[in-house]
Amino acid sequence: KFEVRNNGGHSIKERITRKLQRIREDFWLYKLISSKSTVVNFHDNGMSLCMWMCIISGKKIIWQINDLPGVFFEGVSKSQKRENDNYKCKFYRWYYRFLAKHVDCITVNVSKNKERVIKCLGRNASVLYCGTDIIEGAKLHAKINNMDEIHLVSTGVFFPYRNYETIVDVVHELVLRNVNCTLD
């Protein structure tokens, strides 16, 4: 049996099937959003069709960007070779810039990502640092009932650049100072 394959080794039929599945998933996710919801928070860049449906239906959109789309060759994707920069990447850069113009707010978790959003998407971003009281009025520490025990939970995808060793070092230092601290 003969199949036409692209450079990635997948047949055209497989690629089309995957694209159609992604479209179905975005429609399904959109249907799950309550009609009473006025604000929807999207993370990174995988659900742009669902984002557009929310924009068209009048919902406010907050776009949380921790990793820019790979077509910008910034951050995580910076190590990709610029030789991969083709018409498809150029189209997607235009597409994401166009999408960024239509969302209500872009947030990031570190200041370097704010600079990347300004550079690549032409929009400003609000920096919301994870797990801190930096945001005035948040008063996160005031909600801790027992300061004698600290139980930390950290979630995410483990990659070396994510700097998980820092939280491990902090917990280790607290334990050395006789603070009852655990990390999951």
C-alpha atoms as a PDB file:
ATOM      1  CA  LYS A   1       0.000   0.000   0.000  1.00  0.00           C
ATOM      2  CA  PHE A   2       1.374   3.439  -0.946  1.00  0.00           C
ATOM      3  CA  GLU A   3       0.790   6.501   1.246  1.00  0.00           C
ATOM      4  CA  VAL A   4       1.925  10.078   0.706  1.00  0.00           C
ATOM      5  CA  ARG A   5       3.931  11.207   3.747  1.00  0.00           C
ATOM      6  CA  ASN A   6       5.120  14.635   4.804  1.00  0.00           C
ATOM      7  CA  ASN A   7       8.511  15.362   6.379  1.00  0.00           C
ATOM      8  CA  GLY A   8       7.194  14.393   9.823  1.00  0.00           C
ATOM      9  CA  GLY A   9       6.482  10.833   8.660  1.00  0.00           C
ATOM     10  CA  HIS A  10       2.697  11.151   8.984  1.00  0.00           C
ATOM     11  CA  SER A  11       0.365  10.563   6.073  1.00  0.00           C
ATOM     12  CA  ILE A  12      -1.785  13.432   4.854  1.00  0.00           C
ATOM     13  CA  LYS A  13      -4.829  11.475   6.030  1.00  0.00           C
ATOM     14  CA  GLU A  14      -3.343  11.228   9.560  1.00  0.00           C
ATOM     15  CA  ARG A  15      -2.605  14.964   9.604  1.00  0.00           C
ATOM     16  CA  ILE A  16      -6.129  15.868   8.470  1.00  0.00           C
ATOM     17  CA  THR A  17      -7.643  13.474  11.011  1.00  0.00           C
ATOM     18  CA  ARG A  18      -5.601  15.106  13.814  1.00  0.00           C
ATOM     19  CA  LYS A  19      -6.633  18.619  12.696  1.00  0.00           C
ATOM     20  CA  LEU A  20     -10.316  17.629  12.600  1.00  0.00           C
ATOM     21  CA  GLN A  21     -10.004  16.057  16.058  1.00  0.00           C
ATOM     22  CA  ARG A  22      -8.525  19.305  17.426  1.00  0.00           C
ATOM     23  CA  ILE A  23     -11.427  21.279  15.918  1.00  0.00           C
ATOM     24  CA  ARG A  24     -13.962  18.886  17.500  1.00  0.00           C
ATOM     25  CA  GLU A  25     -12.182  19.201  20.862  1.00  0.00           C
ATOM     26  CA  ASP A  26     -12.305  23.016  20.722  1.00  0.00           C
ATOM     27  CA  PHE A  27     -16.045  22.958  19.933  1.00  0.00           C
ATOM     28  CA  TRP A  28     -16.615  20.454  22.758  1.00  0.00           C
ATOM     29  CA  LEU A  29     -14.660  22.623  25.207  1.00  0.00           C
ATOM     30  CA  TYR A  30     -16.595  25.713  24.140  1.00  0.00           C
ATOM     31  CA  LYS A  31     -19.873  23.907  24.838  1.00  0.00           C
ATOM     32  CA  LEU A  32     -18.630  23.075  28.348  1.00  0.00           C
ATOM     33  CA  ILE A  33     -18.176  26.763  29.196  1.00  0.00           C
ATOM     34  CA  SER A  34     -21.215  27.992  31.076  1.00  0.00           C
ATOM     35  CA  SER A  35     -23.360  30.543  29.282  1.00  0.00           C
ATOM     36  CA  LYS A  36     -23.234  32.512  32.565  1.00  0.00           C
ATOM     37  CA  SER A  37     -19.433  32.798  32.361  1.00  0.00           C
ATOM     38  CA  THR A  38     -18.298  36.293  31.489  1.00  0.00           C
ATOM     39  CA  VAL A  39     -14.531  35.751  31.726  1.00  0.00           C
ATOM     40  CA  VAL A  40     -12.571  32.779  30.383  1.00  0.00           C
ATOM     41  CA  ASN A  41      -8.895  32.187  31.187  1.00  0.00           C
ATOM     42  CA  PHE A  42      -6.891  30.296  28.542  1.00  0.00           C
ATOM     43  CA  HIS A  43      -3.435  28.892  29.166  1.00  0.00           C
ATOM     44  CA  ASP A  44      -0.738  29.118  26.476  1.00  0.00           C
ATOM     45  CA  ASN A  45      -1.761  28.591  22.857  1.00  0.00           C
ATOM     46  CA  GLY A  46      -3.462  25.253  22.205  1.00  0.00           C
ATOM     47  CA  MET A  47      -7.112  26.333  22.069  1.00  0.00           C
ATOM     48  CA  SER A  48      -7.242  29.338  19.784  1.00  0.00           C
ATOM     49  CA  LEU A  49     -10.439  28.209  18.020  1.00  0.00           C
ATOM     50  CA  CYS A  50     -12.208  27.944  21.375  1.00  0.00           C
ATOM     51  CA  MET A  51     -10.780  31.380  22.212  1.00  0.00           C
ATOM     52  CA  TRP A  52     -12.270  32.836  19.030  1.00  0.00           C
ATOM     53  CA  MET A  53     -15.681  31.313  19.826  1.00  0.00           C
ATOM     54  CA  CYS A  54     -15.569  32.957  23.260  1.00  0.00           C
ATOM     55  CA  ILE A  55     -14.536  36.299  21.753  1.00  0.00           C
ATOM     56  CA  ILE A  56     -17.372  36.155  19.198  1.00  0.00           C
ATOM     57  CA  SER A  57     -19.898  35.268  21.915  1.00  0.00           C
ATOM     58  CA  GLY A  58     -18.849  38.347  23.922  1.00  0.00           C
ATOM     59  CA  LYS A  59     -16.928  36.734  26.756  1.00  0.00           C
ATOM     60  CA  LYS A  60     -13.892  38.497  28.196  1.00  0.00           C
ATOM     61  CA  ILE A  61     -10.662  36.629  27.507  1.00  0.00           C
ATOM     62  CA  ILE A  62      -7.604  36.396  29.757  1.00  0.00           C
ATOM     63  CA  TRP A  63      -4.727  34.695  27.958  1.00  0.00           C
ATOM     64  CA  GLN A  64      -2.130  33.270  30.371  1.00  0.00           C
ATOM     65  CA  ILE A  65       1.110  32.828  28.411  1.00  0.00           C
ATOM     66  CA  ASN A  66       3.914  30.929  30.114  1.00  0.00           C
ATOM     67  CA  ASP A  67       5.410  29.644  26.865  1.00  0.00           C
ATOM     68  CA  LEU A  68       4.993  31.525  23.597  1.00  0.00           C
ATOM     69  CA  PRO A  69       4.051  29.516  20.512  1.00  0.00           C
ATOM     70  CA  GLY A  70       7.121  27.826  19.035  1.00  0.00           C
ATOM     71  CA  VAL A  71       6.879  29.820  15.801  1.00  0.00           C
ATOM     72  CA  PHE A  72       8.364  32.827  17.637  1.00  0.00           C
ATOM     73  CA  PHE A  73      11.578  30.920  18.472  1.00  0.00           C
ATOM     74  CA  GLU A  74      11.644  32.418  21.986  1.00  0.00           C
ATOM     75  CA  GLY A  75      12.066  30.786  25.379  1.00  0.00           C
ATOM     76  CA  VAL A  76      11.654  27.023  25.173  1.00  0.00           C
ATOM     77  CA  SER A  77      11.643  26.996  21.357  1.00  0.00           C
ATOM     78  CA  LYS A  78      14.697  29.253  21.060  1.00  0.00           C
ATOM     79  CA  SER A  79      16.916  26.200  20.576  1.00  0.00           C
ATOM     80  CA  GLN A  80      15.006  25.277  17.403  1.00  0.00           C
ATOM     81  CA  LYS A  81      16.885  26.158  14.272  1.00  0.00           C
ATOM     82  CA  ARG A  82      15.802  29.293  12.452  1.00  0.00           C
ATOM     83  CA  GLU A  83      16.088  27.267   9.233  1.00  0.00           C
ATOM     84  CA  ASN A  84      12.682  25.862  10.212  1.00  0.00           C
ATOM     85  CA  ASP A  85      11.250  29.367   9.729  1.00  0.00           C
ATOM     86  CA  ASN A  86       9.000  29.007   6.688  1.00  0.00           C
ATOM     87  CA  TYR A  87       5.750  30.415   5.307  1.00  0.00           C
ATOM     88  CA  LYS A  88       3.775  28.339   7.819  1.00  0.00           C
ATOM     89  CA  CYS A  89       5.671  29.874  10.780  1.00  0.00           C
ATOM     90  CA  LYS A  90       5.212  33.367   9.339  1.00  0.00           C
ATOM     91  CA  PHE A  91       1.472  32.783   8.944  1.00  0.00           C
ATOM     92  CA  TYR A  92       1.134  31.510  12.506  1.00  0.00           C
ATOM     93  CA  ARG A  93       3.102  34.490  13.904  1.00  0.00           C
ATOM     94  CA  TRP A  94       0.652  36.814  12.098  1.00  0.00           C
ATOM     95  CA  TYR A  95      -2.266  34.709  13.361  1.00  0.00           C
ATOM     96  CA  TYR A  96      -1.177  34.862  17.027  1.00  0.00           C
ATOM     97  CA  ARG A  97      -0.534  38.622  16.792  1.00  0.00           C
ATOM     98  CA  PHE A  98      -4.030  39.060  15.330  1.00  0.00           C
ATOM     99  CA  LEU A  99      -5.522  36.915  18.106  1.00  0.00           C
ATOM    100  CA  ALA A 100      -3.617  38.907  20.751  1.00  0.00           C
ATOM    101  CA  LYS A 101      -5.266  42.121  19.522  1.00  0.00           C
ATOM    102  CA  HIS A 102      -8.686  40.659  20.331  1.00  0.00           C
ATOM    103  CA  VAL A 103      -8.153  39.317  23.840  1.00  0.00           C
ATOM    104  CA  ASP A 104      -8.909  41.512  26.822  1.00  0.00           C
ATOM    105  CA  CYS A 105      -5.855  40.780  28.941  1.00  0.00           C
ATOM    106  CA  ILE A 106      -2.594  38.856  28.658  1.00  0.00           C
ATOM    107  CA  THR A 107      -0.918  37.586  31.806  1.00  0.00           C
ATOM    108  CA  VAL A 108       2.479  35.962  32.331  1.00  0.00           C
ATOM    109  CA  ASN A 109       4.179  34.403  35.361  1.00  0.00           C
ATOM    110  CA  VAL A 110       7.635  36.053  35.088  1.00  0.00           C
ATOM    111  CA  SER A 111       8.892  39.418  33.844  1.00  0.00           C
ATOM    112  CA  LYS A 112      11.029  37.886  31.039  1.00  0.00           C
ATOM    113  CA  ASN A 113       7.823  36.528  29.495  1.00  0.00           C
ATOM    114  CA  LYS A 114       6.283  40.011  29.659  1.00  0.00           C
ATOM    115  CA  GLU A 115       9.160  41.288  27.523  1.00  0.00           C
ATOM    116  CA  ARG A 116       8.702  38.380  25.099  1.00  0.00           C
ATOM    117  CA  VAL A 117       4.965  39.096  24.760  1.00  0.00           C
ATOM    118  CA  ILE A 118       5.677  42.771  24.040  1.00  0.00           C
ATOM    119  CA  LYS A 119       8.354  41.851  21.489  1.00  0.00           C
ATOM    120  CA  CYS A 120       6.480  39.034  19.738  1.00  0.00           C
ATOM    121  CA  LEU A 121       2.796  39.895  20.088  1.00  0.00           C
ATOM    122  CA  GLY A 122       2.934  43.670  20.326  1.00  0.00           C
ATOM    123  CA  ARG A 123       0.803  43.691  23.498  1.00  0.00           C
ATOM    124  CA  ASN A 124       1.535  44.471  27.113  1.00  0.00           C
ATOM    125  CA  ALA A 125       1.124  41.741  29.718  1.00  0.00           C
ATOM    126  CA  SER A 126       0.468  41.730  33.457  1.00  0.00           C
ATOM    127  CA  VAL A 127       2.951  39.747  35.527  1.00  0.00           C
ATOM    128  CA  LEU A 128       1.241  37.510  38.102  1.00  0.00           C
ATOM    129  CA  TYR A 129       3.956  35.804  40.122  1.00  0.00           C
ATOM    130  CA  CYS A 130       2.989  32.331  41.332  1.00  0.00           C
ATOM    131  CA  GLY A 131       2.382  31.805  45.052  1.00  0.00           C
ATOM    132  CA  THR A 132       3.396  35.215  46.356  1.00  0.00           C
ATOM    133  CA  ASP A 133       1.844  38.242  48.026  1.00  0.00           C
ATOM    134  CA  ILE A 134       3.355  40.588  45.448  1.00  0.00           C
ATOM    135  CA  ILE A 135      -0.122  41.422  44.134  1.00  0.00           C
ATOM    136  CA  GLU A 136      -1.500  44.059  46.465  1.00  0.00           C
ATOM    137  CA  GLY A 137      -4.556  42.887  48.358  1.00  0.00           C
ATOM    138  CA  ALA A 138      -4.032  39.168  47.693  1.00  0.00           C
ATOM    139  CA  LYS A 139      -2.995  38.505  51.317  1.00  0.00           C
ATOM    140  CA  LEU A 140      -2.246  34.848  50.596  1.00  0.00           C
ATOM    141  CA  HIS A 141      -0.138  34.383  53.712  1.00  0.00           C
ATOM    142  CA  ALA A 142      -2.946  35.723  55.911  1.00  0.00           C
ATOM    143  CA  LYS A 143      -5.089  32.730  54.841  1.00  0.00           C
ATOM    144  CA  ILE A 144      -2.634  30.180  56.263  1.00  0.00           C
ATOM    145  CA  ASN A 145      -4.162  28.887  59.495  1.00  0.00           C
ATOM    146  CA  ASN A 146      -1.121  27.194  61.021  1.00  0.00           C
ATOM    147  CA  MET A 147       2.227  28.904  60.469  1.00  0.00           C
ATOM    148  CA  ASP A 148       3.978  26.136  62.457  1.00  0.00           C
ATOM    149  CA  GLU A 149       3.499  23.709  59.587  1.00  0.00           C
ATOM    150  CA  ILE A 150       4.031  24.445  55.914  1.00  0.00           C
ATOM    151  CA  HIS A 151       2.698  22.001  53.337  1.00  0.00           C
ATOM    152  CA  LEU A 152       3.626  22.984  49.785  1.00  0.00           C
ATOM    153  CA  VAL A 153       2.166  21.514  46.593  1.00  0.00           C
ATOM    154  CA  SER A 154       3.841  22.180  43.267  1.00  0.00           C
ATOM    155  CA  THR A 155       2.412  21.064  39.943  1.00  0.00           C
ATOM    156  CA  GLY A 156       3.637  21.283  36.400  1.00  0.00           C
ATOM    157  CA  VAL A 157       5.582  19.572  33.676  1.00  0.00           C
ATOM    158  CA  PHE A 158       9.125  18.751  34.735  1.00  0.00           C
ATOM    159  CA  PHE A 159      11.722  20.193  32.384  1.00  0.00           C
ATOM    160  CA  PRO A 160      15.237  21.234  33.465  1.00  0.00           C
ATOM    161  CA  TYR A 161      14.588  24.891  32.584  1.00  0.00           C
ATOM    162  CA  ARG A 162      11.553  25.046  34.909  1.00  0.00           C
ATOM    163  CA  ASN A 163      13.860  25.551  37.897  1.00  0.00           C
ATOM    164  CA  TYR A 164      12.191  23.043  40.249  1.00  0.00           C
ATOM    165  CA  GLU A 165      15.452  22.709  42.162  1.00  0.00           C
ATOM    166  CA  THR A 166      14.760  26.134  43.708  1.00  0.00           C
ATOM    167  CA  ILE A 167      11.651  24.999  45.583  1.00  0.00           C
ATOM    168  CA  VAL A 168      13.487  21.847  46.716  1.00  0.00           C
ATOM    169  CA  ASP A 169      16.361  24.019  47.984  1.00  0.00           C
ATOM    170  CA  VAL A 170      13.941  26.317  49.846  1.00  0.00           C
ATOM    171  CA  VAL A 171      12.201  23.387  51.553  1.00  0.00           C
ATOM    172  CA  HIS A 172      15.571  21.865  52.464  1.00  0.00           C
ATOM    173  CA  GLU A 173      16.716  25.175  53.980  1.00  0.00           C
ATOM    174  CA  LEU A 174      13.485  25.476  56.007  1.00  0.00           C
ATOM    175  CA  VAL A 175      13.895  21.943  57.355  1.00  0.00           C
ATOM    176  CA  LEU A 176      17.497  22.757  58.344  1.00  0.00           C
ATOM    177  CA  ARG A 177      16.067  25.717  60.294  1.00  0.00           C
ATOM    178  CA  ASN A 178      13.704  23.326  62.123  1.00  0.00           C
ATOM    179  CA  VAL A 179      10.582  24.487  60.270  1.00  0.00           C
ATOM    180  CA  ASN A 180       8.057  21.689  59.784  1.00  0.00           C
ATOM    181  CA  CYS A 181       7.839  21.843  55.999  1.00  0.00           C
ATOM    182  CA  THR A 182       6.827  19.270  53.371  1.00  0.00           C
ATOM    183  CA  LEU A 183       6.661  19.371  49.601  1.00  0.00           C
ATOM    184  CA  ASP A 184       4.428  17.324  47.290  1.00  0.00           C
END
